[in-house]
Amino acid sequence: MFAIKEEDSSRFSILDRDIQLDNAKNKTYDLIVIGGGATGAGIALDAVSRGLKVCLVEKNDFASGTSNKSTKLIHGGLRYLKQMEIGLVRESGSERAIVHKLAPHLVIPEKMLLPLVKGGTYGKLMASIGLKIYDFLANVEGDDKRKMLSIQETLDTEPLLNKEGLIGGGYYAEYRTDDARLTIELIKKATSFGANCINYCEMLSFNYNENGKIISLNCIDHNTQQEIVIRSENFVSATGPWVDLLREKDESMNNKYLHLTKGVHLVFSRKRFPLHQSIYFDVPDGRMIFAIPRGRVTYVGTTDTSYKGNLNRVVATQQDATYLLKAVQYMFPDLELTQKDIESNWAGLRPLIHEEGKDPSELSRRDEVFVSKTGLISIAGGKLTGYRKMAQRAIDEVLDTMSDERKSKFSDSHTDTILLTSDPLKNTQEVEEYSDQVARELKKMQIDDLYYSSYLVSTYGKQTDVILNKTRSFTNEMMIERLIRAELWYSVYYEMTNGLADFFVRRTGRLYFDIDSVYRYRSLILHDLVDYLNWDKPRVTQENSYLDLLLEDAITYYETEF
């Protein structure tokens, strides 16, 4: 067995789309991955780095579904310990440390405060024991080990907390991330090893041989409306909420099926909700939710309700907003936050495995693999933290279809050592030092705002150097405009950006974390995209209409789901 080496791939550009499509039409792959979220991206990287020839197709943009709508934490799942999901907690705990090492600029240590309240989920003794077990299962060491806090220490850590009923606190280690950025880096890395990854390429149907085995996919490229056939030996569906729809197309549904639940998050200005510290807190109905400070905002979530609506347009309802607002008002009463204080929201789906008689919050977050007689391998369930292990399990199923001789040609999984950027920062200290360096460079550019250095480094890592160098190519009077234009240029030439929403939502997260900047810069960004991609008037209208829809959904609370 051997490990495939990373190729010297200079860019992953939308301008090379014709090459991607030609490769897809003319090759026969070892594996086609359907779905470009974190799980699909992880599967593509695992497979191609073992030596398999891989193609990934995604009907929308990469990370446009569940992998852009999580709580944006790489966490061990403290509540799963209460549900006695010991194996899941152990795996999640070890995985978060591994993923942090693979991309320390993107998976960032985040201390979490657990306020303990009378009648809450955790009493003092249970919290102390539970957090100690949590640390043990996750192999937490040194200063990251849990600390139990007195009432005053808890309030010193976060003064905004409700003092009434507070009996102390627990302080423990988690990690914060950007789920979409993590997915993009996984896709880019898979491409650098030779995977063929195409967004806006939708799988329409399966083709079968005389033995009823899948041999190819019929797909449509939404940019050109061209239909193509892509051939492969194996097929994995990592389509999240759409897994059962593909299984229905394959006529391979069994007694296991998805139970979709919706999670909504609300975003507030940091000025209006000046949270110092990430909080995991009780709400009156017995659930627990997060409040996370991030750059210019604080966000709160999540809800957990069964969902049977439109998979392609998941929105927050008035009921969702009211529920989360009441939770915030309960734990942070002095702020007197109202719906007018909400800047934006996001709503996404969790593709969990149905379990009879269980409420949404009780459903296991374990993943499961379904293998059909036709050869379709589907993976569902799971959580962002476990993407790498989910990928391993899916590829192990693929390899099990091969003869021992053929299987021996492929290496074991080694994604635990594949750093996710080409010029990686090695640890948190290097990230902090580099962020200080970027802040100094920005100051020279008359951008004296610590938010931007933190934003750039946590989004791009050392790839920020390429963006800062590119600012010199633009002649806008405002340096901040040069900077965002350089971001767009980078995302077009290196990150397969295909439209306005790709840039403002998945590549930069601005729709959620800096929504004013979307309004402020959309004309500038649109102008450059027309120039780069040679859009005609109908395409411009289409792009504007779609971004308008996303903006509307981010600030609206509907009476019912679609």
Protein backbone atom coordinates (compact mmCIF):
# COMPACT_ATOMS: atom_id res chain seq x y z
CA MET A 1 0.00 0.00 0.00
CA PHE A 2 1.13 3.58 -0.63
CA ALA A 3 0.00 7.08 0.23
CA ILE A 4 -0.76 9.37 -2.69
CA LYS A 5 1.16 12.66 -2.66
CA GLU A 6 -0.36 16.09 -2.90
CA GLU A 7 0.06 17.57 -6.34
CA ASP A 8 1.47 21.03 -7.07
CA SER A 9 -1.96 22.49 -7.87
CA SER A 10 -1.78 26.28 -8.13
CA ARG A 11 -5.46 27.09 -8.08
CA PHE A 12 -9.03 25.79 -7.84
CA SER A 13 -10.74 28.33 -10.06
CA ILE A 14 -14.21 28.74 -11.52
CA LEU A 15 -12.36 29.92 -14.64
CA ASP A 16 -11.16 26.32 -15.10
CA ARG A 17 -14.67 24.90 -15.04
CA ASP A 18 -14.44 23.60 -18.62
CA ILE A 19 -11.44 21.49 -17.62
CA GLN A 20 -13.35 20.10 -14.64
CA LEU A 21 -16.32 19.18 -16.83
CA ASP A 22 -14.14 17.62 -19.54
CA ASN A 23 -12.41 15.47 -16.91
CA ALA A 24 -15.77 14.39 -15.53
CA LYS A 25 -17.07 13.40 -18.97
CA ASN A 26 -13.98 11.54 -20.12
CA LYS A 27 -12.76 9.61 -17.08
CA THR A 28 -13.99 6.54 -15.26
CA TYR A 29 -13.52 7.08 -11.53
CA ASP A 30 -13.01 4.74 -8.62
CA LEU A 31 -15.50 6.80 -6.64
CA ILE A 32 -18.11 9.48 -7.23
CA VAL A 33 -19.18 11.43 -4.13
CA ILE A 34 -22.61 13.05 -4.40
CA GLY A 35 -22.83 16.05 -2.06
CA GLY A 36 -20.37 18.83 -1.35
CA GLY A 37 -20.89 19.45 2.36
CA ALA A 38 -18.36 18.71 5.09
CA THR A 39 -19.01 14.97 4.99
CA GLY A 40 -18.78 14.72 1.20
CA ALA A 41 -15.66 16.89 1.17
CA GLY A 42 -14.12 14.76 3.90
CA ILE A 43 -14.92 11.58 1.95
CA ALA A 44 -13.36 13.01 -1.21
CA LEU A 45 -10.17 13.95 0.65
CA ASP A 46 -9.92 10.60 2.45
CA ALA A 47 -10.45 8.67 -0.79
CA VAL A 48 -8.14 10.65 -3.06
CA SER A 49 -5.36 10.76 -0.45
CA ARG A 50 -5.50 6.94 -0.24
CA GLY A 51 -5.02 6.72 -3.99
CA LEU A 52 -8.54 6.44 -5.44
CA LYS A 53 -9.61 8.43 -8.51
CA VAL A 54 -12.39 10.67 -7.20
CA CYS A 55 -15.08 12.96 -8.57
CA LEU A 56 -17.39 15.01 -6.33
CA VAL A 57 -20.56 16.67 -7.62
CA GLU A 58 -22.72 19.18 -5.74
CA LYS A 59 -26.02 20.51 -7.10
CA ASN A 60 -25.58 23.95 -5.51
CA ASP A 61 -22.48 25.55 -4.04
CA PHE A 62 -20.18 23.64 -1.73
CA ALA A 63 -21.39 23.85 1.90
CA SER A 64 -24.71 25.34 0.83
CA GLY A 65 -26.84 23.02 2.99
CA THR A 66 -26.35 21.77 6.54
CA SER A 67 -22.61 22.51 6.42
CA ASN A 68 -23.28 26.23 6.43
CA LYS A 69 -26.01 26.21 9.06
CA SER A 70 -24.56 24.57 12.18
CA THR A 71 -23.72 26.23 15.51
CA LYS A 72 -20.20 26.53 14.08
CA LEU A 73 -18.53 24.62 16.89
CA ILE A 74 -16.16 21.66 16.78
CA HIS A 75 -17.28 20.32 20.12
CA GLY A 76 -17.43 17.11 22.08
CA GLY A 77 -21.14 17.31 22.78
CA LEU A 78 -21.54 17.61 26.54
CA ARG A 79 -25.26 16.85 26.36
CA TYR A 80 -24.55 13.52 24.64
CA LEU A 81 -22.81 12.45 27.84
CA LYS A 82 -26.10 12.89 29.70
CA GLN A 83 -27.72 10.64 27.06
CA MET A 84 -25.00 8.05 27.75
CA GLU A 85 -23.57 8.36 24.24
CA ILE A 86 -20.11 7.59 25.64
CA GLY A 87 -18.60 6.42 22.35
CA LEU A 88 -19.83 9.52 20.53
CA VAL A 89 -18.40 11.83 23.19
CA ARG A 90 -15.06 9.99 23.15
CA GLU A 91 -14.78 10.14 19.37
CA SER A 92 -15.91 13.78 19.18
CA GLY A 93 -13.49 14.77 21.92
CA SER A 94 -10.49 13.24 20.19
CA GLU A 95 -11.57 14.49 16.76
CA ARG A 96 -11.84 18.13 17.80
CA ALA A 97 -8.18 18.07 18.90
CA ILE A 98 -7.12 16.48 15.60
CA VAL A 99 -9.03 18.96 13.44
CA HIS A 100 -7.59 21.85 15.47
CA LYS A 101 -4.08 20.64 14.57
CA LEU A 102 -5.03 20.36 10.89
CA ALA A 103 -6.24 23.99 10.70
CA PRO A 104 -5.49 25.97 13.89
CA HIS A 105 -6.53 29.27 12.28
CA LEU A 106 -9.96 27.83 11.50
CA VAL A 107 -10.63 25.59 14.51
CA ILE A 108 -10.02 27.95 17.40
CA PRO A 109 -9.95 27.13 21.13
CA GLU A 110 -13.02 28.57 22.80
CA LYS A 111 -13.56 28.32 26.55
CA MET A 112 -17.19 27.54 27.37
CA LEU A 113 -18.99 28.67 30.52
CA LEU A 114 -21.77 26.45 31.88
CA PRO A 115 -23.85 28.49 34.37
CA LEU A 116 -25.39 26.26 37.02
CA VAL A 117 -28.87 27.27 38.13
CA LYS A 118 -31.37 25.93 40.61
CA GLY A 119 -33.47 23.23 38.98
CA GLY A 120 -31.27 23.27 35.87
CA THR A 121 -29.99 20.41 33.75
CA TYR A 122 -26.81 20.06 35.79
CA GLY A 123 -26.41 20.40 39.54
CA LYS A 124 -23.03 21.19 41.09
CA LEU A 125 -22.05 17.57 41.73
CA MET A 126 -23.36 16.29 38.39
CA ALA A 127 -21.62 19.11 36.51
CA SER A 128 -18.32 18.51 38.31
CA ILE A 129 -18.38 14.76 37.64
CA GLY A 130 -19.74 15.16 34.11
CA LEU A 131 -17.14 17.71 33.05
CA LYS A 132 -14.36 15.60 34.56
CA ILE A 133 -15.54 12.57 32.57
CA TYR A 134 -15.85 14.83 29.52
CA ASP A 135 -12.20 15.87 29.92
CA PHE A 136 -11.13 12.25 30.41
CA LEU A 137 -12.95 10.99 27.32
CA ALA A 138 -11.54 13.84 25.22
CA ASN A 139 -7.97 13.53 26.60
CA VAL A 140 -8.02 17.17 27.71
CA GLU A 141 -4.80 18.28 29.40
CA GLY A 142 -3.27 21.26 31.24
CA ASP A 143 -5.10 24.58 31.45
CA ASP A 144 -7.91 23.28 29.25
CA LYS A 145 -9.14 20.94 31.99
CA ARG A 146 -12.47 21.87 33.51
CA LYS A 147 -12.71 24.25 36.44
CA MET A 148 -15.64 24.59 38.80
CA LEU A 149 -16.50 28.20 39.65
CA SER A 150 -18.27 29.86 42.56
CA ILE A 151 -21.19 32.20 41.99
CA GLN A 152 -18.92 35.24 42.07
CA GLU A 153 -16.32 33.64 39.79
CA THR A 154 -19.07 32.77 37.34
CA LEU A 155 -20.34 36.36 37.33
CA ASP A 156 -16.78 37.70 37.01
CA THR A 157 -16.36 35.50 33.92
CA GLU A 158 -19.62 36.76 32.40
CA PRO A 159 -21.24 39.76 34.16
CA LEU A 160 -24.32 39.72 31.91
CA LEU A 161 -25.66 36.49 33.40
CA ASN A 162 -28.90 36.38 35.36
CA LYS A 163 -27.90 36.34 39.04
CA GLU A 164 -31.23 34.92 40.20
CA GLY A 165 -30.99 31.20 40.89
CA LEU A 166 -27.30 31.04 39.97
CA ILE A 167 -25.41 28.51 42.10
CA GLY A 168 -22.03 28.42 40.34
CA GLY A 169 -20.52 27.45 37.02
CA GLY A 170 -18.37 25.05 35.07
CA TYR A 171 -15.61 26.22 32.76
CA TYR A 172 -14.35 23.87 30.05
CA ALA A 173 -12.70 23.74 26.61
CA GLU A 174 -14.37 23.63 23.20
CA TYR A 175 -13.45 24.86 19.69
CA ARG A 176 -15.11 27.41 17.41
CA THR A 177 -15.02 27.19 13.61
CA ASP A 178 -16.65 28.34 10.40
CA ASP A 179 -18.37 25.26 8.98
CA ALA A 180 -18.49 26.53 5.39
CA ARG A 181 -14.84 27.60 5.41
CA LEU A 182 -13.83 24.20 6.82
CA THR A 183 -15.72 22.54 3.96
CA ILE A 184 -14.10 24.80 1.34
CA GLU A 185 -10.62 24.01 2.66
CA LEU A 186 -11.39 20.27 2.59
CA ILE A 187 -12.57 20.58 -1.03
CA LYS A 188 -9.48 22.59 -2.00
CA LYS A 189 -7.21 20.06 -0.34
CA ALA A 190 -8.95 17.13 -2.05
CA THR A 191 -8.50 18.93 -5.37
CA SER A 192 -4.81 19.44 -4.68
CA PHE A 193 -4.48 15.64 -4.42
CA GLY A 194 -6.20 15.22 -7.79
CA ALA A 195 -9.92 14.98 -6.98
CA ASN A 196 -12.31 16.48 -9.54
CA CYS A 197 -14.79 18.62 -7.54
CA ILE A 198 -17.61 20.47 -9.30
CA ASN A 199 -20.24 22.73 -7.75
CA TYR A 200 -23.54 23.52 -9.47
CA CYS A 201 -23.47 20.07 -11.09
CA GLU A 202 -26.65 18.20 -10.12
CA MET A 203 -27.11 14.45 -10.15
CA LEU A 204 -30.38 13.74 -11.99
CA SER A 205 -30.55 9.95 -12.17
CA PHE A 206 -28.61 6.68 -11.96
CA ASN A 207 -27.70 4.36 -14.83
CA TYR A 208 -27.48 0.61 -14.18
CA ASN A 209 -25.91 -2.41 -15.88
CA GLU A 210 -27.66 -5.69 -16.68
CA ASN A 211 -27.00 -6.89 -13.11
CA GLY A 212 -28.76 -3.89 -11.57
CA LYS A 213 -25.54 -2.20 -10.42
CA ILE A 214 -25.01 1.54 -10.77
CA ILE A 215 -22.44 2.33 -13.45
CA SER A 216 -22.86 6.08 -13.99
CA LEU A 217 -24.74 9.26 -13.14
CA ASN A 218 -26.72 11.56 -15.39
CA CYS A 219 -25.89 15.10 -14.29
CA ILE A 220 -26.64 18.64 -15.39
CA ASP A 221 -24.20 21.53 -15.19
CA HIS A 222 -26.35 24.47 -14.09
CA ASN A 223 -23.94 27.03 -15.57
CA THR A 224 -24.30 25.76 -19.12
CA GLN A 225 -27.45 23.60 -18.87
CA GLN A 226 -25.31 20.87 -20.44
CA GLU A 227 -26.17 17.30 -19.46
CA ILE A 228 -23.26 14.93 -18.89
CA VAL A 229 -22.73 11.31 -17.90
CA ILE A 230 -20.09 10.56 -15.24
CA ARG A 231 -18.86 6.97 -14.86
CA SER A 232 -17.46 5.30 -11.77
CA GLU A 233 -16.93 1.96 -10.03
CA ASN A 234 -18.42 3.16 -6.72
CA PHE A 235 -20.93 5.78 -5.56
CA VAL A 236 -21.36 7.44 -2.17
CA SER A 237 -24.27 9.73 -1.33
CA ALA A 238 -23.35 12.28 1.34
CA THR A 239 -26.29 14.54 0.60
CA GLY A 240 -27.46 15.23 4.14
CA PRO A 241 -31.19 16.05 4.18
CA TRP A 242 -31.48 14.77 0.60
CA VAL A 243 -30.15 11.25 1.39
CA ASP A 244 -33.59 9.64 1.36
CA LEU A 245 -34.54 11.37 -1.91
CA LEU A 246 -31.54 9.73 -3.61
CA ARG A 247 -32.36 6.39 -2.02
CA GLU A 248 -35.88 6.72 -3.41
CA LYS A 249 -34.44 7.40 -6.88
CA ASP A 250 -32.36 4.26 -6.44
CA GLU A 251 -35.42 2.37 -5.14
CA SER A 252 -33.33 1.28 -2.15
CA MET A 253 -35.26 2.63 0.84
CA ASN A 254 -35.47 0.26 3.80
CA ASN A 255 -36.86 0.45 7.33
CA LYS A 256 -34.24 3.08 8.27
CA TYR A 257 -34.99 6.66 7.23
CA LEU A 258 -34.17 10.25 8.12
CA HIS A 259 -35.81 12.37 10.78
CA LEU A 260 -35.07 15.96 9.83
CA THR A 261 -34.88 18.56 12.56
CA LYS A 262 -34.49 22.31 12.12
CA GLY A 263 -32.00 24.49 13.95
CA VAL A 264 -32.29 28.29 13.96
CA HIS A 265 -29.69 30.82 15.15
CA LEU A 266 -30.19 34.54 15.80
CA VAL A 267 -27.44 37.13 15.34
CA PHE A 268 -27.16 40.33 17.39
CA SER A 269 -24.75 43.23 17.20
CA ARG A 270 -21.95 42.84 19.73
CA LYS A 271 -22.63 46.43 20.82
CA ARG A 272 -26.19 45.49 21.73
CA PHE A 273 -25.27 42.07 23.14
CA PRO A 274 -21.73 42.62 24.51
CA LEU A 275 -21.06 39.04 25.59
CA HIS A 276 -17.55 38.44 26.93
CA GLN A 277 -17.65 34.69 27.03
CA SER A 278 -19.21 31.73 25.16
CA ILE A 279 -22.09 30.33 27.22
CA TYR A 280 -23.94 27.01 27.18
CA PHE A 281 -27.05 27.63 29.22
CA ASP A 282 -30.40 26.22 30.37
CA VAL A 283 -33.68 27.48 28.99
CA PRO A 284 -37.01 27.07 30.80
CA ASP A 285 -38.23 24.10 28.72
CA GLY A 286 -35.29 21.94 29.85
CA ARG A 287 -33.16 22.28 26.70
CA MET A 288 -29.80 24.00 26.52
CA ILE A 289 -28.55 26.48 23.92
CA PHE A 290 -25.39 28.40 23.09
CA ALA A 291 -24.58 32.11 23.06
CA ILE A 292 -21.30 32.74 21.19
CA PRO A 293 -19.42 36.04 20.75
CA ARG A 294 -17.82 36.23 17.30
CA GLY A 295 -16.15 39.32 15.90
CA ARG A 296 -18.72 42.09 15.61
CA VAL A 297 -21.67 39.95 16.67
CA THR A 298 -23.06 37.56 19.24
CA TYR A 299 -25.18 34.67 18.00
CA VAL A 300 -27.58 32.43 19.87
CA GLY A 301 -28.92 28.95 19.06
CA THR A 302 -30.20 26.52 18.43
CA THR A 303 -33.77 25.33 18.14
CA ASP A 304 -34.46 21.63 17.58
CA THR A 305 -37.85 20.94 15.98
CA SER A 306 -39.07 18.27 13.57
CA TYR A 307 -39.15 19.47 9.96
CA LYS A 308 -41.25 18.42 6.96
CA GLY A 309 -41.00 21.56 4.83
CA ASN A 310 -39.11 22.60 1.69
CA LEU A 311 -35.56 21.21 1.74
CA ASN A 312 -34.33 23.92 -0.61
CA ARG A 313 -35.60 26.89 1.39
CA VAL A 314 -35.38 26.49 5.15
CA VAL A 315 -36.38 29.63 7.05
CA ALA A 316 -36.82 30.94 10.58
CA THR A 317 -40.39 31.38 11.75
CA GLN A 318 -41.82 33.82 14.23
CA GLN A 319 -42.15 30.92 16.66
CA ASP A 320 -38.40 30.18 16.31
CA ALA A 321 -37.46 33.80 16.96
CA THR A 322 -39.78 34.07 19.96
CA TYR A 323 -38.38 30.87 21.48
CA LEU A 324 -34.75 32.00 21.24
CA LEU A 325 -35.53 35.54 22.36
CA LYS A 326 -37.26 34.23 25.48
CA ALA A 327 -34.18 32.10 26.19
CA VAL A 328 -31.90 35.15 25.88
CA GLN A 329 -34.21 37.29 27.99
CA TYR A 330 -34.24 34.58 30.66
CA MET A 331 -30.46 34.26 30.96
CA PHE A 332 -29.52 37.90 30.14
CA PRO A 333 -32.50 39.92 31.46
CA ASP A 334 -30.70 43.23 31.94
CA LEU A 335 -30.10 43.55 28.18
CA GLU A 336 -33.84 43.72 27.44
CA LEU A 337 -33.26 42.42 23.92
CA THR A 338 -36.20 42.42 21.49
CA GLN A 339 -36.78 41.24 17.96
CA LYS A 340 -35.74 44.67 16.67
CA ASP A 341 -32.23 43.94 17.96
CA ILE A 342 -31.77 40.88 15.73
CA GLU A 343 -29.46 41.64 12.78
CA SER A 344 -29.83 38.36 10.90
CA ASN A 345 -30.54 34.66 11.28
CA TRP A 346 -29.81 31.32 9.70
CA ALA A 347 -31.88 28.14 9.63
CA GLY A 348 -30.63 24.68 8.72
CA LEU A 349 -31.50 21.00 8.90
CA ARG A 350 -30.01 18.07 10.77
CA PRO A 351 -30.35 14.77 8.87
CA LEU A 352 -30.74 12.43 11.86
CA ILE A 353 -31.72 8.76 11.84
CA HIS A 354 -35.35 8.27 12.91
CA GLU A 355 -35.96 6.51 16.22
CA GLU A 356 -39.53 5.64 17.11
CA GLY A 357 -41.01 7.55 20.03
CA LYS A 358 -38.12 10.00 20.49
CA ASP A 359 -38.37 13.78 20.48
CA PRO A 360 -35.98 15.69 18.16
CA SER A 361 -33.58 16.62 20.98
CA GLU A 362 -33.41 12.98 22.11
CA LEU A 363 -32.38 11.59 18.71
CA SER A 364 -28.84 10.25 18.50
CA ARG A 365 -26.27 12.27 16.57
CA ARG A 366 -24.52 9.07 15.50
CA ASP A 367 -23.96 8.51 11.81
CA GLU A 368 -25.03 5.42 9.93
CA VAL A 369 -24.10 3.92 6.55
CA PHE A 370 -26.71 2.30 4.28
CA VAL A 371 -25.54 0.02 1.43
CA SER A 372 -28.02 -0.84 -1.32
CA LYS A 373 -28.02 -3.86 -3.65
CA THR A 374 -27.33 -1.48 -6.52
CA GLY A 375 -24.06 -0.38 -4.93
CA LEU A 376 -25.19 3.01 -3.65
CA ILE A 377 -23.53 3.75 -0.31
CA SER A 378 -25.38 6.43 1.69
CA ILE A 379 -24.15 8.04 4.89
CA ALA A 380 -26.42 10.05 7.17
CA GLY A 381 -26.64 11.37 10.70
CA GLY A 382 -23.52 12.51 12.49
CA LYS A 383 -22.26 15.98 13.30
CA LEU A 384 -19.69 18.41 11.95
CA THR A 385 -17.06 17.38 14.50
CA GLY A 386 -17.12 13.80 13.24
CA TYR A 387 -16.75 14.49 9.51
CA ARG A 388 -13.31 12.83 9.31
CA LYS A 389 -14.37 9.58 11.00
CA MET A 390 -17.56 9.52 8.94
CA ALA A 391 -15.41 9.76 5.83
CA GLN A 392 -13.25 6.86 6.98
CA ARG A 393 -16.30 4.68 7.59
CA ALA A 394 -17.72 5.49 4.15
CA ILE A 395 -14.44 4.71 2.38
CA ASP A 396 -14.05 1.48 4.33
CA GLU A 397 -17.42 0.44 2.88
CA VAL A 398 -16.18 1.32 -0.61
CA LEU A 399 -13.00 -0.72 -0.15
CA ASP A 400 -15.04 -3.69 1.11
CA THR A 401 -16.59 -3.95 -2.38
CA MET A 402 -13.14 -4.63 -3.87
CA SER A 403 -11.06 -7.76 -4.12
CA ASP A 404 -8.21 -8.11 -1.65
CA GLU A 405 -5.70 -7.59 -4.48
CA ARG A 406 -7.30 -4.33 -5.62
CA LYS A 407 -7.86 -3.12 -2.07
CA SER A 408 -4.17 -3.61 -1.31
CA LYS A 409 -3.30 -0.86 -3.81
CA PHE A 410 -4.81 1.79 -1.57
CA SER A 411 -3.31 3.12 1.64
CA ASP A 412 -5.00 3.35 5.01
CA SER A 413 -6.62 6.65 5.94
CA HIS A 414 -4.12 9.32 6.99
CA THR A 415 -6.29 12.43 7.00
CA ASP A 416 -5.30 12.96 10.64
CA THR A 417 -1.96 14.28 9.34
CA ILE A 418 -3.04 16.17 6.20
CA LEU A 419 -2.88 19.88 7.01
CA LEU A 420 -5.75 21.72 5.37
CA THR A 421 -3.90 24.68 3.85
CA SER A 422 -0.76 24.72 1.72
CA ASP A 423 1.10 27.21 3.95
CA PRO A 424 -0.26 26.19 7.35
CA LEU A 425 0.07 27.89 10.70
CA LYS A 426 1.23 25.26 13.16
CA ASN A 427 -0.53 26.18 16.40
CA THR A 428 -2.53 28.81 18.29
CA GLN A 429 0.58 30.82 19.12
CA GLU A 430 1.52 31.09 15.45
CA VAL A 431 -2.05 32.11 14.63
CA GLU A 432 -1.93 34.90 17.21
CA GLU A 433 1.49 36.11 16.02
CA TYR A 434 0.38 36.09 12.41
CA SER A 435 -2.83 37.93 13.30
CA ASP A 436 -0.73 40.66 14.96
CA GLN A 437 1.39 40.84 11.80
CA VAL A 438 -1.70 41.19 9.61
CA ALA A 439 -3.04 43.92 11.93
CA ARG A 440 0.19 45.88 11.41
CA GLU A 441 -0.09 45.48 7.63
CA LEU A 442 -3.70 46.65 7.69
CA LYS A 443 -2.74 49.67 9.75
CA LYS A 444 -0.28 50.66 7.03
CA MET A 445 -3.24 50.44 4.65
CA GLN A 446 -5.24 52.82 6.89
CA ILE A 447 -7.45 49.94 8.08
CA ASP A 448 -6.98 50.35 11.82
CA ASP A 449 -9.56 47.83 12.97
CA LEU A 450 -8.64 44.68 14.91
CA TYR A 451 -11.81 43.01 13.62
CA TYR A 452 -10.39 42.78 10.11
CA SER A 453 -7.14 41.10 11.09
CA SER A 454 -9.03 38.54 13.16
CA TYR A 455 -11.59 38.04 10.40
CA LEU A 456 -9.00 37.58 7.65
CA VAL A 457 -6.80 35.19 9.59
CA SER A 458 -9.65 33.06 10.95
CA THR A 459 -11.11 32.88 7.43
CA TYR A 460 -8.02 32.38 5.25
CA GLY A 461 -5.08 31.63 7.51
CA LYS A 462 -1.77 32.49 5.81
CA GLN A 463 -3.60 32.67 2.51
CA THR A 464 -4.30 36.22 3.76
CA ASP A 465 -0.86 37.14 2.34
CA VAL A 466 -2.11 36.50 -1.19
CA ILE A 467 -5.16 38.69 -0.57
CA LEU A 468 -3.19 41.56 0.95
CA ASN A 469 -0.71 41.49 -1.93
CA LYS A 470 -3.57 41.61 -4.43
CA THR A 471 -4.97 44.84 -2.92
CA ARG A 472 -2.14 46.67 -4.74
CA SER A 473 -3.78 45.77 -8.07
CA PHE A 474 -6.85 47.88 -7.36
CA THR A 475 -7.16 51.64 -7.48
CA ASN A 476 -10.18 52.41 -5.31
CA GLU A 477 -9.72 55.43 -3.08
CA MET A 478 -10.96 53.42 -0.10
CA MET A 479 -8.51 50.72 1.06
CA ILE A 480 -11.36 48.73 2.57
CA GLU A 481 -12.86 48.43 -0.91
CA ARG A 482 -9.56 47.23 -2.30
CA LEU A 483 -9.47 44.60 0.42
CA ILE A 484 -12.91 43.15 -0.30
CA ARG A 485 -12.19 43.18 -4.04
CA ALA A 486 -8.98 41.25 -3.33
CA GLU A 487 -11.02 38.74 -1.30
CA LEU A 488 -13.35 38.27 -4.24
CA TRP A 489 -10.46 37.86 -6.68
CA TYR A 490 -8.96 35.20 -4.44
CA SER A 491 -12.26 33.35 -4.08
CA VAL A 492 -12.79 33.31 -7.86
CA TYR A 493 -9.27 32.14 -8.71
CA TYR A 494 -8.69 29.78 -5.79
CA GLU A 495 -12.05 28.80 -4.31
CA MET A 496 -14.49 28.10 -7.18
CA THR A 497 -16.73 31.08 -6.44
CA ASN A 498 -19.53 31.02 -8.99
CA GLY A 499 -21.88 33.76 -7.81
CA LEU A 500 -22.78 36.57 -5.43
CA ALA A 501 -24.18 34.24 -2.77
CA ASP A 502 -21.11 31.98 -2.89
CA PHE A 503 -18.98 34.95 -1.92
CA PHE A 504 -21.20 36.70 0.61
CA VAL A 505 -22.47 33.54 2.33
CA ARG A 506 -20.07 30.57 2.07
CA ARG A 507 -16.65 32.13 1.36
CA THR A 508 -16.86 35.06 3.79
CA GLY A 509 -19.90 34.51 6.06
CA ARG A 510 -20.85 38.17 5.66
CA LEU A 511 -24.58 37.48 5.30
CA TYR A 512 -24.64 36.25 8.89
CA PHE A 513 -21.80 38.02 10.64
CA ASP A 514 -21.59 41.38 8.84
CA ILE A 515 -24.85 41.77 6.94
CA ASP A 516 -24.43 45.53 6.49
CA SER A 517 -21.33 44.86 4.39
CA VAL A 518 -23.44 42.84 1.93
CA TYR A 519 -25.63 45.89 1.27
CA ARG A 520 -22.59 48.17 1.21
CA TYR A 521 -20.43 46.22 -1.24
CA ARG A 522 -22.78 44.14 -3.38
CA SER A 523 -22.60 46.54 -6.35
CA LEU A 524 -18.81 46.59 -6.22
CA ILE A 525 -18.63 42.79 -6.00
CA LEU A 526 -21.23 42.35 -8.75
CA HIS A 527 -19.25 44.63 -11.05
CA ASP A 528 -16.10 42.56 -10.59
CA LEU A 529 -17.92 39.24 -11.00
CA VAL A 530 -19.42 40.43 -14.30
CA ASP A 531 -15.89 41.31 -15.38
CA TYR A 532 -14.32 38.01 -14.26
CA LEU A 533 -17.09 35.68 -15.43
CA ASN A 534 -18.52 37.59 -18.40
CA TRP A 535 -22.12 37.47 -17.17
CA ASP A 536 -24.92 38.62 -19.46
CA LYS A 537 -27.97 40.60 -18.29
CA PRO A 538 -30.15 37.54 -17.52
CA ARG A 539 -27.39 36.08 -15.33
CA VAL A 540 -27.01 39.40 -13.48
CA THR A 541 -30.76 39.47 -12.85
CA GLN A 542 -30.69 35.89 -11.63
CA GLU A 543 -27.77 36.56 -9.25
CA ASN A 544 -29.38 39.69 -7.82
CA SER A 545 -32.73 37.96 -7.34
CA TYR A 546 -31.16 35.06 -5.46
CA LEU A 547 -29.12 37.31 -3.17
CA ASP A 548 -32.25 39.41 -2.52
CA LEU A 549 -34.06 36.23 -1.48
CA LEU A 550 -31.26 35.23 0.91
CA LEU A 551 -31.18 38.72 2.42
CA GLU A 552 -34.95 38.61 2.90
CA ASP A 553 -34.77 35.20 4.62
CA ALA A 554 -31.94 36.37 6.88
CA ILE A 555 -34.00 39.24 8.33
CA THR A 556 -37.55 37.85 8.17
CA TYR A 557 -39.50 35.64 10.58
CA TYR A 558 -42.25 33.87 8.69
CA GLU A 559 -45.55 32.70 10.11
CA THR A 560 -45.09 29.21 8.64
CA GLU A 561 -42.38 27.15 6.95
CA PHE A 562 -42.38 26.76 3.17
